[in-house]
Amino acid sequence: MWPKSNFLKFWIFILIGIKAPLTPKKLYREFNKTLLLVSKNPEMGIETELDSVRGIIVRDFILFYELRAEEIIVHTVWDTRQNPDDLKIK
C-alpha cells in the first residue's frame, strides 16, 4: 500500500479548489481506491514515454505513478483540463 501523504492532500485541495463538484476529501478517496487497485495490479496504468512511469485516469485527472520494489511513487496528479504542453512528470 502506498503511504498517505500530506503533500498529495495539499495538491488535491489546490487542484480542485472550491468550484469543482467534488470535494477534496472525495477526490482523495478516489485516488486511494485507484492506488489500491494499482497495488493489486501494478501494470493496469497506461505506459508513458518515461521508463517505468504509468498513468491512470481518475475523473478529470491522470495520476502518474512508478512502481519500485514494494511501493508506488506518485509523480504527478495532472488535471486534464489544462494545456497538455505544460505537463511535466518529475
Protein backbone atom coordinates (compact mmCIF):
# COMPACT_ATOMS: atom_id res chain seq x y z
CA MET A 1 0.00 0.00 0.00
CA TRP A 2 1.26 3.48 -0.77
CA PRO A 3 2.00 5.84 2.11
CA LYS A 4 -0.55 8.60 2.77
CA SER A 5 0.98 11.94 2.00
CA ASN A 6 0.10 15.40 3.22
CA PHE A 7 1.72 16.62 0.02
CA LEU A 8 -0.83 14.73 -2.09
CA LYS A 9 -3.72 16.00 0.07
CA PHE A 10 -2.44 19.55 -0.35
CA TRP A 11 -2.25 19.30 -4.15
CA ILE A 12 -5.69 17.72 -4.42
CA PHE A 13 -7.07 20.67 -2.47
CA ILE A 14 -5.23 23.18 -4.66
CA LEU A 15 -6.16 21.47 -7.94
CA ILE A 16 -9.89 21.26 -7.44
CA GLY A 17 -10.50 24.24 -5.17
CA ILE A 18 -14.00 25.34 -4.25
CA LYS A 19 -15.51 25.50 -7.75
CA ALA A 20 -15.31 21.76 -8.51
CA PRO A 21 -18.29 19.49 -7.78
CA LEU A 22 -16.10 17.01 -5.89
CA THR A 23 -14.72 17.92 -2.52
CA PRO A 24 -11.02 17.34 -1.93
CA LYS A 25 -11.90 14.61 0.56
CA LYS A 26 -13.97 12.66 -2.00
CA LEU A 27 -11.32 13.00 -4.68
CA TYR A 28 -8.65 11.90 -2.20
CA ARG A 29 -10.74 8.77 -1.50
CA GLU A 30 -10.98 8.08 -5.23
CA PHE A 31 -7.21 8.38 -5.59
CA ASN A 32 -6.78 6.00 -2.65
CA LYS A 33 -9.16 3.46 -4.22
CA THR A 34 -7.33 3.72 -7.53
CA LEU A 35 -3.94 3.26 -5.86
CA LEU A 36 -5.26 0.23 -4.02
CA LEU A 37 -6.27 -1.27 -7.38
CA VAL A 38 -2.85 -0.39 -8.79
CA SER A 39 -1.17 -2.10 -5.83
CA LYS A 40 -3.05 -5.29 -6.73
CA ASN A 41 -2.49 -4.96 -10.48
CA PRO A 42 0.57 -2.71 -10.98
CA GLU A 43 0.52 -2.71 -14.76
CA MET A 44 -3.07 -1.52 -15.15
CA GLY A 45 -1.99 2.05 -15.96
CA ILE A 46 -1.10 3.29 -19.42
CA GLU A 47 2.61 3.24 -20.28
CA THR A 48 4.23 6.63 -20.78
CA GLU A 49 7.32 7.74 -22.66
CA LEU A 50 9.27 7.52 -19.39
CA ASP A 51 10.60 4.14 -18.34
CA SER A 52 8.57 2.57 -15.51
CA VAL A 53 6.13 5.52 -15.23
CA ARG A 54 2.48 4.78 -15.93
CA GLY A 55 -0.66 6.89 -15.90
CA ILE A 56 -4.17 6.07 -14.80
CA ILE A 57 -7.29 8.21 -15.26
CA VAL A 58 -9.26 9.26 -12.19
CA ARG A 59 -12.17 11.50 -13.23
CA ASP A 60 -10.63 14.66 -14.80
CA PHE A 61 -7.13 13.75 -13.63
CA ILE A 62 -4.31 11.46 -14.66
CA LEU A 63 -2.31 10.03 -11.81
CA PHE A 64 1.26 9.33 -12.96
CA TYR A 65 2.98 6.69 -10.86
CA GLU A 66 6.03 4.49 -10.78
CA LEU A 67 6.46 1.07 -9.22
CA ARG A 68 9.53 0.46 -7.09
CA ALA A 69 10.05 -2.75 -5.17
CA GLU A 70 7.25 -2.63 -2.59
CA GLU A 71 5.98 0.92 -3.09
CA ILE A 72 4.08 3.10 -5.52
CA ILE A 73 5.62 6.52 -6.15
CA VAL A 74 3.11 9.16 -7.29
CA HIS A 75 4.98 11.63 -9.50
CA THR A 76 2.21 13.93 -10.68
CA VAL A 77 -1.53 14.36 -10.45
CA TRP A 78 -2.44 16.09 -13.70
CA ASP A 79 -5.69 17.97 -14.30
CA THR A 80 -6.58 17.00 -17.89
CA ARG A 81 -8.40 20.30 -18.39
CA GLN A 82 -5.01 22.03 -18.64
CA ASN A 83 -2.83 22.54 -21.69
CA PRO A 84 -1.03 19.20 -22.28
CA ASP A 85 2.10 21.06 -23.39
CA ASP A 86 2.53 22.19 -19.77
CA LEU A 87 2.69 18.63 -18.40
CA LYS A 88 5.92 17.78 -16.62
CA ILE A 89 6.37 14.46 -14.85
CA LYS A 90 9.01 14.60 -12.12
